[in-house]
Structure formats: C-alpha cells, structure tokens
Amino acid sequence: MHRTILYPSQSRFLPSQEIRDQALMRNSKYKLRDFETLEDWFFYTHVDPVQRMIHAIGMFIGLSFFGLCSYFLFSENWPLTALFYLLGVFFYYVSGIISHQFYDAGTGRSRPKDLITTFIPVIKINLATTFGSYDDKLRAFIAKYPFVTEAYQLIEVRHTRRYEFLRGLSSDEERE
C-alpha cells in the first residue's frame, strides 16, 4: 500500500491559463460567506500545494530577515535595520501576494484589513505544509466542507510522486 496525499488535479508548478481560470472561478464561486470563519475561508484559499510551498518558503526567508533586522536594531545600525525589515516584509507577505496573483488572479489572498487576523492561520498552514501534517488537516477540513473535493477536483497522489505530479510528469496509474 502506498501512502497518498490529496492534491488538486490541476495543480502544477507552472500553471496554464486554464488552471488560472479554474482557480479564479473556484474562488469566485466560494467566498467568505460560505464558511463558518475567516480562518476556514483562508484555509480553503490555500489548498493548492504550490501556493503553500511559496508561502512557506517566503515565511522562512522573511523570518530570517526579521531576525537580522532585530540584530541590527539592537546594534543601532539603522540603515541595515530598515533594509532587513523591508526584505522581511517582502518575503513574508509579498511572496504570498505574488503567488496568489500568479495562480488565482489574486482572488485567494486576504484583504489588507485581515493581515493581522490571518497571521496565526498562515503560520499554522505553513508549518503543516513544511512538516507534512497538511494532508491530515485537509481531510478533516473536507469532512466539514465536502464541496472542497469537487471545487479543487482533489485526487489521491502517491506521496513519493508528488513533485513529479506537480511538474505534470505522473501518469494516471501512478496517482492510484
């Protein structure tokens, strides 16, 4: 028996226009009002594994720059404090905004007024993505919101073939 994970059938490292159009339609069909909480909607808009990878990488790079910012703050080196702060903000937040623009025309990103509210949920999603517990959280989420399976056209992909799948290299037999 092979371990499998749920992936959107249309997820790819380099999305086609068709994939972007599907993401736009999906996010236009299901909005915040369709979920019990903002955090649930936020989880829904981050099901695509490539977007989550970009968010997680951006978070870790951003946190590294914030660490350097703190070091230079205490060293009273104001120009480097400002530089590393701006780099931290760019990678922590802007990388996610760019990924949403690229993958779903920006329809899945949080509103600016929700940045503080979604701070903890984004960390939870990024850590689950990084440490491999996201699939369990997604399956529990689907139990609460069954329409997510159809909205994302979720399929089972062999864990060992997940990157091949995202590059568009896995055949249908390998997904089973």
N, C-alpha and C. Protein backbone atom coordinates (compact mmCIF):
# COMPACT_ATOMS: atom_id res chain seq x y z
N MET A 1 0.85 -1.18 0.00
CA MET A 1 0.00 0.00 0.00
C MET A 1 0.89 1.24 0.00
N HIS A 2 0.55 2.17 -0.85
CA HIS A 2 1.31 3.41 -0.97
C HIS A 2 0.58 4.52 -0.24
N ARG A 3 1.36 5.32 0.47
CA ARG A 3 0.78 6.49 1.11
C ARG A 3 0.41 7.51 0.04
N THR A 4 -0.78 8.07 0.16
CA THR A 4 -1.22 9.07 -0.80
C THR A 4 -1.57 10.36 -0.08
N ILE A 5 -1.57 11.44 -0.84
CA ILE A 5 -1.98 12.74 -0.34
C ILE A 5 -2.97 13.33 -1.32
N LEU A 6 -3.82 14.20 -0.83
CA LEU A 6 -4.81 14.86 -1.68
C LEU A 6 -4.18 16.08 -2.34
N TYR A 7 -4.30 16.12 -3.65
CA TYR A 7 -3.81 17.26 -4.43
C TYR A 7 -4.91 17.69 -5.39
N PRO A 8 -5.00 18.97 -5.67
CA PRO A 8 -5.89 19.41 -6.73
C PRO A 8 -5.40 18.82 -8.06
N SER A 9 -6.29 18.24 -8.83
CA SER A 9 -5.86 17.59 -10.07
C SER A 9 -5.20 18.55 -11.04
N GLN A 10 -5.48 19.84 -10.91
CA GLN A 10 -4.92 20.82 -11.82
C GLN A 10 -3.71 21.58 -11.25
N SER A 11 -3.20 21.17 -10.12
CA SER A 11 -2.07 21.89 -9.53
C SER A 11 -0.79 21.57 -10.29
N ARG A 12 -0.04 22.61 -10.60
CA ARG A 12 1.24 22.46 -11.29
C ARG A 12 2.18 23.57 -10.84
N PHE A 13 3.49 23.29 -10.91
CA PHE A 13 4.46 24.34 -10.59
C PHE A 13 4.28 25.53 -11.52
N LEU A 14 4.05 25.27 -12.79
CA LEU A 14 3.81 26.33 -13.76
C LEU A 14 2.39 26.19 -14.28
N PRO A 15 1.46 26.95 -13.73
CA PRO A 15 0.06 26.78 -14.13
C PRO A 15 -0.21 27.34 -15.52
N SER A 16 -1.07 26.64 -16.23
CA SER A 16 -1.51 27.13 -17.53
C SER A 16 -2.59 28.19 -17.31
N GLN A 17 -2.97 28.85 -18.38
CA GLN A 17 -4.06 29.82 -18.29
C GLN A 17 -5.35 29.12 -17.87
N GLU A 18 -5.55 27.91 -18.35
CA GLU A 18 -6.74 27.14 -17.96
C GLU A 18 -6.77 26.88 -16.46
N ILE A 19 -5.64 26.54 -15.89
CA ILE A 19 -5.55 26.30 -14.44
C ILE A 19 -5.84 27.59 -13.68
N ARG A 20 -5.30 28.70 -14.15
CA ARG A 20 -5.57 30.00 -13.51
C ARG A 20 -7.05 30.35 -13.59
N ASP A 21 -7.64 30.10 -14.76
CA ASP A 21 -9.07 30.38 -14.93
C ASP A 21 -9.93 29.54 -13.98
N GLN A 22 -9.55 28.27 -13.81
CA GLN A 22 -10.29 27.41 -12.88
C GLN A 22 -10.17 27.91 -11.45
N ALA A 23 -8.99 28.37 -11.07
CA ALA A 23 -8.79 28.90 -9.72
C ALA A 23 -9.63 30.16 -9.52
N LEU A 24 -9.66 30.99 -10.53
CA LEU A 24 -10.46 32.21 -10.46
C LEU A 24 -11.94 31.87 -10.30
N MET A 25 -12.44 30.92 -11.08
CA MET A 25 -13.84 30.51 -10.97
C MET A 25 -14.13 29.89 -9.60
N ARG A 26 -13.21 29.06 -9.12
CA ARG A 26 -13.39 28.40 -7.82
C ARG A 26 -13.49 29.43 -6.70
N ASN A 27 -12.60 30.41 -6.72
CA ASN A 27 -12.61 31.43 -5.67
C ASN A 27 -13.76 32.41 -5.84
N SER A 28 -14.29 32.53 -7.05
CA SER A 28 -15.47 33.38 -7.27
C SER A 28 -16.74 32.67 -6.80
N LYS A 29 -16.74 31.35 -6.90
CA LYS A 29 -17.93 30.58 -6.51
C LYS A 29 -18.06 30.47 -4.99
N TYR A 30 -16.96 30.21 -4.30
CA TYR A 30 -16.99 30.04 -2.85
C TYR A 30 -16.26 31.21 -2.19
N LYS A 31 -17.01 31.99 -1.45
CA LYS A 31 -16.48 33.19 -0.81
C LYS A 31 -16.55 33.04 0.71
N LEU A 32 -16.08 34.05 1.38
CA LEU A 32 -16.05 34.06 2.84
C LEU A 32 -17.41 33.69 3.44
N ARG A 33 -18.49 34.14 2.84
CA ARG A 33 -19.83 33.87 3.37
C ARG A 33 -20.18 32.37 3.38
N ASP A 34 -19.46 31.56 2.61
CA ASP A 34 -19.72 30.13 2.53
C ASP A 34 -19.02 29.34 3.63
N PHE A 35 -18.29 30.02 4.50
CA PHE A 35 -17.51 29.36 5.55
C PHE A 35 -17.92 29.91 6.91
N GLU A 36 -17.73 29.08 7.93
CA GLU A 36 -18.10 29.50 9.28
C GLU A 36 -17.21 30.61 9.82
N THR A 37 -15.93 30.58 9.43
CA THR A 37 -14.98 31.55 9.97
C THR A 37 -14.05 32.05 8.87
N LEU A 38 -13.41 33.17 9.15
CA LEU A 38 -12.39 33.69 8.23
C LEU A 38 -11.25 32.68 8.10
N GLU A 39 -10.89 32.05 9.19
CA GLU A 39 -9.80 31.06 9.15
C GLU A 39 -10.17 29.89 8.22
N ASP A 40 -11.43 29.46 8.23
CA ASP A 40 -11.85 28.38 7.32
C ASP A 40 -11.74 28.83 5.86
N TRP A 41 -12.20 30.04 5.57
CA TRP A 41 -12.08 30.55 4.20
C TRP A 41 -10.61 30.64 3.80
N PHE A 42 -9.79 31.11 4.72
CA PHE A 42 -8.36 31.26 4.47
C PHE A 42 -7.74 29.90 4.16
N PHE A 43 -8.12 28.88 4.92
CA PHE A 43 -7.62 27.52 4.66
C PHE A 43 -8.04 27.08 3.26
N TYR A 44 -9.29 27.33 2.91
CA TYR A 44 -9.82 26.96 1.60
C TYR A 44 -9.02 27.58 0.46
N THR A 45 -8.63 28.82 0.61
CA THR A 45 -7.91 29.50 -0.47
C THR A 45 -6.45 29.10 -0.54
N HIS A 46 -6.01 28.22 0.36
CA HIS A 46 -4.61 27.79 0.38
C HIS A 46 -4.48 26.27 0.23
N VAL A 47 -5.40 25.65 -0.47
CA VAL A 47 -5.34 24.20 -0.68
C VAL A 47 -4.26 23.83 -1.70
N ASP A 48 -4.02 24.68 -2.68
CA ASP A 48 -3.03 24.36 -3.72
C ASP A 48 -1.64 24.21 -3.10
N PRO A 49 -0.98 23.06 -3.29
CA PRO A 49 0.31 22.81 -2.65
C PRO A 49 1.43 23.73 -3.13
N VAL A 50 1.39 24.15 -4.38
CA VAL A 50 2.45 25.03 -4.88
C VAL A 50 2.35 26.39 -4.21
N GLN A 51 1.15 26.92 -4.11
CA GLN A 51 0.98 28.20 -3.42
C GLN A 51 1.44 28.08 -1.97
N ARG A 52 1.09 26.97 -1.33
CA ARG A 52 1.51 26.79 0.07
C ARG A 52 3.02 26.70 0.18
N MET A 53 3.67 26.05 -0.77
CA MET A 53 5.14 25.96 -0.74
C MET A 53 5.76 27.36 -0.87
N ILE A 54 5.22 28.15 -1.79
CA ILE A 54 5.73 29.51 -1.98
C ILE A 54 5.52 30.33 -0.70
N HIS A 55 4.34 30.20 -0.10
CA HIS A 55 4.06 30.91 1.16
C HIS A 55 5.04 30.47 2.25
N ALA A 56 5.26 29.17 2.40
CA ALA A 56 6.14 28.67 3.46
C ALA A 56 7.58 29.12 3.24
N ILE A 57 8.06 29.02 2.02
CA ILE A 57 9.43 29.47 1.74
C ILE A 57 9.55 30.97 2.03
N GLY A 58 8.56 31.75 1.58
CA GLY A 58 8.57 33.18 1.85
C GLY A 58 8.56 33.48 3.35
N MET A 59 7.78 32.71 4.10
CA MET A 59 7.71 32.92 5.54
C MET A 59 9.08 32.69 6.19
N PHE A 60 9.73 31.58 5.85
CA PHE A 60 11.02 31.27 6.48
C PHE A 60 12.11 32.26 6.07
N ILE A 61 12.13 32.67 4.80
CA ILE A 61 13.09 33.68 4.38
C ILE A 61 12.79 35.00 5.08
N GLY A 62 11.50 35.38 5.13
CA GLY A 62 11.11 36.62 5.81
C GLY A 62 11.50 36.62 7.27
N LEU A 63 11.27 35.50 7.95
CA LEU A 63 11.63 35.41 9.36
C LEU A 63 13.14 35.55 9.56
N SER A 64 13.91 35.01 8.64
CA SER A 64 15.37 35.16 8.71
C SER A 64 15.76 36.64 8.61
N PHE A 65 15.12 37.35 7.69
CA PHE A 65 15.41 38.78 7.56
C PHE A 65 14.92 39.55 8.79
N PHE A 66 13.80 39.16 9.38
CA PHE A 66 13.34 39.82 10.60
C PHE A 66 14.33 39.58 11.74
N GLY A 67 14.91 38.38 11.77
CA GLY A 67 15.95 38.10 12.77
C GLY A 67 17.16 39.02 12.59
N LEU A 68 17.60 39.19 11.36
CA LEU A 68 18.70 40.11 11.08
C LEU A 68 18.31 41.54 11.42
N CYS A 69 17.07 41.88 11.13
CA CYS A 69 16.56 43.21 11.47
C CYS A 69 16.69 43.44 12.98
N SER A 70 16.30 42.46 13.77
CA SER A 70 16.39 42.58 15.23
C SER A 70 17.83 42.75 15.68
N TYR A 71 18.71 41.98 15.08
CA TYR A 71 20.13 42.09 15.44
C TYR A 71 20.64 43.51 15.19
N PHE A 72 20.37 44.04 14.01
CA PHE A 72 20.85 45.37 13.67
C PHE A 72 20.11 46.47 14.43
N LEU A 73 18.88 46.21 14.85
CA LEU A 73 18.15 47.15 15.69
C LEU A 73 18.87 47.33 17.01
N PHE A 74 19.26 46.20 17.62
CA PHE A 74 19.96 46.27 18.91
C PHE A 74 21.38 46.79 18.75
N SER A 75 21.93 46.66 17.55
CA SER A 75 23.27 47.22 17.26
C SER A 75 23.18 48.70 16.88
N GLU A 76 21.95 49.20 16.79
CA GLU A 76 21.68 50.59 16.41
C GLU A 76 22.24 50.94 15.04
N ASN A 77 22.19 49.97 14.15
CA ASN A 77 22.57 50.21 12.75
C ASN A 77 21.27 50.41 11.99
N TRP A 78 20.82 51.65 11.93
CA TRP A 78 19.50 51.98 11.41
C TRP A 78 19.33 51.66 9.92
N PRO A 79 20.32 51.93 9.08
CA PRO A 79 20.12 51.59 7.65
C PRO A 79 19.93 50.09 7.42
N LEU A 80 20.74 49.26 8.09
CA LEU A 80 20.57 47.81 7.92
C LEU A 80 19.31 47.30 8.60
N THR A 81 18.92 47.94 9.71
CA THR A 81 17.64 47.59 10.35
C THR A 81 16.50 47.79 9.37
N ALA A 82 16.49 48.94 8.74
CA ALA A 82 15.42 49.27 7.78
C ALA A 82 15.47 48.33 6.58
N LEU A 83 16.67 48.07 6.05
CA LEU A 83 16.81 47.19 4.90
C LEU A 83 16.28 45.79 5.20
N PHE A 84 16.70 45.21 6.31
CA PHE A 84 16.28 43.84 6.62
C PHE A 84 14.81 43.77 7.02
N TYR A 85 14.28 44.85 7.59
CA TYR A 85 12.84 44.89 7.85
C TYR A 85 12.07 44.84 6.54
N LEU A 86 12.45 45.68 5.60
CA LEU A 86 11.76 45.71 4.30
C LEU A 86 11.89 44.37 3.57
N LEU A 87 13.07 43.76 3.62
CA LEU A 87 13.24 42.44 3.00
C LEU A 87 12.37 41.40 3.70
N GLY A 88 12.29 41.47 5.03
CA GLY A 88 11.44 40.55 5.78
C GLY A 88 9.98 40.68 5.38
N VAL A 89 9.50 41.92 5.30
CA VAL A 89 8.11 42.16 4.88
C VAL A 89 7.89 41.64 3.47
N PHE A 90 8.84 41.92 2.59
CA PHE A 90 8.68 41.47 1.20
C PHE A 90 8.52 39.96 1.13
N PHE A 91 9.45 39.24 1.73
CA PHE A 91 9.38 37.78 1.61
C PHE A 91 8.22 37.20 2.41
N TYR A 92 7.95 37.74 3.61
CA TYR A 92 6.90 37.17 4.45
C TYR A 92 5.52 37.40 3.84
N TYR A 93 5.25 38.60 3.37
CA TYR A 93 3.92 38.92 2.86
C TYR A 93 3.84 38.97 1.34
N VAL A 94 4.75 39.68 0.72
CA VAL A 94 4.63 39.94 -0.71
C VAL A 94 4.81 38.67 -1.54
N SER A 95 5.63 37.74 -1.10
CA SER A 95 5.76 36.48 -1.87
C SER A 95 4.42 35.76 -1.95
N GLY A 96 3.64 35.78 -0.88
CA GLY A 96 2.31 35.17 -0.91
C GLY A 96 1.36 35.92 -1.82
N ILE A 97 1.42 37.24 -1.78
CA ILE A 97 0.56 38.05 -2.65
C ILE A 97 0.89 37.78 -4.12
N ILE A 98 2.18 37.72 -4.42
CA ILE A 98 2.60 37.44 -5.79
C ILE A 98 2.13 36.05 -6.22
N SER A 99 2.24 35.06 -5.34
CA SER A 99 1.80 33.71 -5.72
C SER A 99 0.30 33.69 -6.00
N HIS A 100 -0.48 34.42 -5.21
CA HIS A 100 -1.93 34.48 -5.47
C HIS A 100 -2.21 35.18 -6.79
N GLN A 101 -1.47 36.22 -7.07
CA GLN A 101 -1.67 36.92 -8.34
C GLN A 101 -1.37 35.99 -9.51
N PHE A 102 -0.31 35.20 -9.38
CA PHE A 102 0.12 34.30 -10.44
C PHE A 102 -0.81 33.10 -10.60
N TYR A 103 -1.32 32.55 -9.48
CA TYR A 103 -2.10 31.31 -9.54
C TYR A 103 -3.61 31.52 -9.60
N ASP A 104 -4.13 32.59 -8.99
CA ASP A 104 -5.59 32.74 -8.97
C ASP A 104 -6.05 34.18 -9.17
N ALA A 105 -5.24 34.95 -9.86
CA ALA A 105 -5.55 36.36 -10.15
C ALA A 105 -5.84 37.16 -8.89
N GLY A 106 -5.24 36.76 -7.78
CA GLY A 106 -5.38 37.49 -6.53
C GLY A 106 -6.66 37.24 -5.76
N THR A 107 -7.51 36.33 -6.24
CA THR A 107 -8.80 36.12 -5.59
C THR A 107 -8.70 35.35 -4.28
N GLY A 108 -7.58 34.69 -4.02
CA GLY A 108 -7.45 33.91 -2.80
C GLY A 108 -6.69 34.60 -1.69
N ARG A 109 -6.19 35.79 -1.97
CA ARG A 109 -5.40 36.44 -0.92
C ARG A 109 -6.31 37.17 0.07
N SER A 110 -5.78 37.36 1.25
CA SER A 110 -6.53 38.06 2.29
C SER A 110 -6.65 39.54 1.97
N ARG A 111 -7.69 40.13 2.50
CA ARG A 111 -7.84 41.57 2.40
C ARG A 111 -6.81 42.21 3.33
N PRO A 112 -6.29 43.37 2.98
CA PRO A 112 -5.30 44.03 3.84
C PRO A 112 -5.76 44.18 5.29
N LYS A 113 -7.06 44.42 5.50
CA LYS A 113 -7.55 44.59 6.88
C LYS A 113 -7.51 43.27 7.67
N ASP A 114 -7.35 42.13 6.98
CA ASP A 114 -7.30 40.83 7.66
C ASP A 114 -5.88 40.29 7.88
N LEU A 115 -4.86 41.08 7.56
CA LEU A 115 -3.49 40.60 7.69
C LEU A 115 -3.16 40.17 9.12
N ILE A 116 -3.60 40.92 10.09
CA ILE A 116 -3.33 40.55 11.49
C ILE A 116 -4.15 39.31 11.86
N THR A 117 -5.41 39.27 11.46
CA THR A 117 -6.29 38.15 11.78
C THR A 117 -5.79 36.84 11.17
N THR A 118 -5.18 36.92 9.99
CA THR A 118 -4.72 35.70 9.32
C THR A 118 -3.27 35.36 9.63
N PHE A 119 -2.64 36.15 10.49
CA PHE A 119 -1.23 35.92 10.82
C PHE A 119 -1.01 34.52 11.40
N ILE A 120 -1.79 34.14 12.40
CA ILE A 120 -1.64 32.81 13.02
C ILE A 120 -2.08 31.69 12.06
N PRO A 121 -3.22 31.82 11.37
CA PRO A 121 -3.58 30.76 10.41
C PRO A 121 -2.52 30.52 9.33
N VAL A 122 -1.88 31.58 8.84
CA VAL A 122 -0.86 31.37 7.81
C VAL A 122 0.33 30.62 8.39
N ILE A 123 0.67 30.91 9.62
CA ILE A 123 1.77 30.18 10.26
C ILE A 123 1.40 28.71 10.42
N LYS A 124 0.17 28.43 10.85
CA LYS A 124 -0.29 27.04 11.00
C LYS A 124 -0.22 26.29 9.67
N ILE A 125 -0.72 26.93 8.61
CA ILE A 125 -0.71 26.29 7.29
C ILE A 125 0.72 26.08 6.81
N ASN A 126 1.58 27.07 6.99
CA ASN A 126 2.96 26.94 6.55
C ASN A 126 3.70 25.85 7.31
N LEU A 127 3.48 25.76 8.61
CA LEU A 127 4.14 24.72 9.39
C LEU A 127 3.60 23.33 9.03
N ALA A 128 2.29 23.22 8.82
CA ALA A 128 1.71 21.94 8.40
C ALA A 128 2.25 21.53 7.03
N THR A 129 2.42 22.49 6.14
CA THR A 129 2.98 22.21 4.82
C THR A 129 4.43 21.76 4.94
N THR A 130 5.20 22.46 5.75
CA THR A 130 6.62 22.18 5.91
C THR A 130 6.87 20.83 6.57
N PHE A 131 6.08 20.50 7.59
CA PHE A 131 6.36 19.30 8.37
C PHE A 131 5.46 18.12 8.04
N GLY A 132 4.66 18.22 6.96
CA GLY A 132 3.94 17.07 6.44
C GLY A 132 2.62 16.72 7.08
N SER A 133 2.05 17.59 7.88
CA SER A 133 0.77 17.27 8.51
C SER A 133 -0.42 17.93 7.79
N TYR A 134 -0.15 18.62 6.68
CA TYR A 134 -1.21 19.34 5.99
C TYR A 134 -2.30 18.40 5.46
N ASP A 135 -1.92 17.26 4.91
CA ASP A 135 -2.91 16.35 4.33
C ASP A 135 -3.95 15.91 5.36
N ASP A 136 -3.52 15.63 6.58
CA ASP A 136 -4.48 15.26 7.64
C ASP A 136 -5.44 16.43 7.93
N LYS A 137 -4.91 17.64 7.97
CA LYS A 137 -5.75 18.81 8.21
C LYS A 137 -6.72 19.02 7.04
N LEU A 138 -6.26 18.79 5.82
CA LEU A 138 -7.13 18.93 4.66
C LEU A 138 -8.27 17.91 4.71
N ARG A 139 -7.97 16.68 5.07
CA ARG A 139 -9.01 15.66 5.14
C ARG A 139 -10.05 16.00 6.22
N ALA A 140 -9.62 16.54 7.33
CA ALA A 140 -10.56 16.97 8.37
C ALA A 140 -11.39 18.17 7.87
N PHE A 141 -10.76 19.04 7.14
CA PHE A 141 -11.45 20.20 6.57
C PHE A 141 -12.53 19.76 5.59
N ILE A 142 -12.22 18.75 4.78
CA ILE A 142 -13.18 18.23 3.81
C ILE A 142 -14.38 17.60 4.52
N ALA A 143 -14.15 16.99 5.67
CA ALA A 143 -15.27 16.43 6.44
C ALA A 143 -16.24 17.54 6.84
N LYS A 144 -15.71 18.72 7.09
CA LYS A 144 -16.54 19.87 7.47
C LYS A 144 -17.14 20.55 6.24
N TYR A 145 -16.38 20.61 5.15
CA TYR A 145 -16.79 21.28 3.91
C TYR A 145 -16.58 20.32 2.73
N PRO A 146 -17.50 19.39 2.52
CA PRO A 146 -17.32 18.38 1.46
C PRO A 146 -17.18 18.97 0.06
N PHE A 147 -17.73 20.14 -0.20
CA PHE A 147 -17.65 20.73 -1.54
C PHE A 147 -16.22 21.04 -1.96
N VAL A 148 -15.28 21.05 -1.03
CA VAL A 148 -13.88 21.35 -1.35
C VAL A 148 -13.31 20.30 -2.30
N THR A 149 -13.72 19.05 -2.14
CA THR A 149 -13.22 17.99 -3.01
C THR A 149 -13.55 18.29 -4.47
N GLU A 150 -14.78 18.68 -4.73
CA GLU A 150 -15.18 18.99 -6.10
C GLU A 150 -14.59 20.33 -6.56
N ALA A 151 -14.59 21.31 -5.68
CA ALA A 151 -14.10 22.64 -6.06
C ALA A 151 -12.65 22.58 -6.53
N TYR A 152 -11.85 21.80 -5.86
CA TYR A 152 -10.43 21.67 -6.22
C TYR A 152 -10.15 20.44 -7.09
N GLN A 153 -11.19 19.64 -7.36
CA GLN A 153 -11.01 18.40 -8.11
C GLN A 153 -9.86 17.59 -7.48
N LEU A 154 -10.02 17.33 -6.17
CA LEU A 154 -8.96 16.66 -5.43
C LEU A 154 -8.84 15.20 -5.83
N ILE A 155 -7.60 14.75 -5.95
CA ILE A 155 -7.31 13.35 -6.26
C ILE A 155 -6.22 12.86 -5.32
N GLU A 156 -6.14 11.55 -5.20
CA GLU A 156 -5.08 10.93 -4.41
C GLU A 156 -3.83 10.81 -5.28
N VAL A 157 -2.71 11.32 -4.77
CA VAL A 157 -1.43 11.24 -5.47
C VAL A 157 -0.45 10.53 -4.55
N ARG A 158 0.32 9.61 -5.11
CA ARG A 158 1.33 8.94 -4.29
C ARG A 158 2.27 9.98 -3.70
N HIS A 159 2.51 9.83 -2.42
CA HIS A 159 3.39 10.76 -1.71
C HIS A 159 4.77 10.81 -2.38
N THR A 160 5.26 9.66 -2.81
CA THR A 160 6.59 9.59 -3.43
C THR A 160 6.63 10.22 -4.82
N ARG A 161 5.47 10.48 -5.39
CA ARG A 161 5.40 11.04 -6.75
C ARG A 161 4.86 12.47 -6.76
N ARG A 162 4.75 13.10 -5.61
CA ARG A 162 4.08 14.40 -5.53
C ARG A 162 4.76 15.48 -6.36
N TYR A 163 6.09 15.49 -6.40
CA TYR A 163 6.78 16.54 -7.16
C TYR A 163 6.72 16.26 -8.66
N GLU A 164 6.76 14.99 -9.02
CA GLU A 164 6.59 14.63 -10.43
C GLU A 164 5.20 15.06 -10.90
N PHE A 165 4.20 14.83 -10.05
CA PHE A 165 2.84 15.23 -10.40
C PHE A 165 2.76 16.73 -10.63
N LEU A 166 3.35 17.51 -9.73
CA LEU A 166 3.28 18.96 -9.85
C LEU A 166 4.05 19.48 -11.07
N ARG A 167 4.97 18.68 -11.56
CA ARG A 167 5.67 19.05 -12.80
C ARG A 167 4.90 18.54 -14.01
N GLY A 168 3.80 17.78 -13.78
CA GLY A 168 3.00 17.27 -14.89
C GLY A 168 3.55 15.99 -15.48
N LEU A 169 4.38 15.25 -14.71
CA LEU A 169 5.05 14.07 -15.23
C LEU A 169 4.39 12.75 -14.84
N SER A 170 3.54 12.74 -13.83
CA SER A 170 2.96 11.48 -13.35
C SER A 170 1.79 11.06 -14.23
N SER A 171 1.72 9.78 -14.48
CA SER A 171 0.58 9.25 -15.24
C SER A 171 -0.56 8.95 -14.29
N ASP A 172 -1.73 8.69 -14.86
CA ASP A 172 -2.90 8.38 -14.03
C ASP A 172 -2.67 7.16 -13.17
N GLU A 173 -1.95 6.16 -13.67
CA GLU A 173 -1.73 4.95 -12.87
C GLU A 173 -0.91 5.24 -11.63
N GLU A 174 0.03 6.18 -11.74
CA GLU A 174 0.89 6.48 -10.61
C GLU A 174 0.15 7.22 -9.50
N ARG A 175 -1.00 7.79 -9.81
CA ARG A 175 -1.76 8.53 -8.79
C ARG A 175 -2.53 7.60 -7.87
N GLU A 176 -2.82 6.42 -8.33
CA GLU A 176 -3.64 5.48 -7.55
C GLU A 176 -2.89 4.95 -6.35
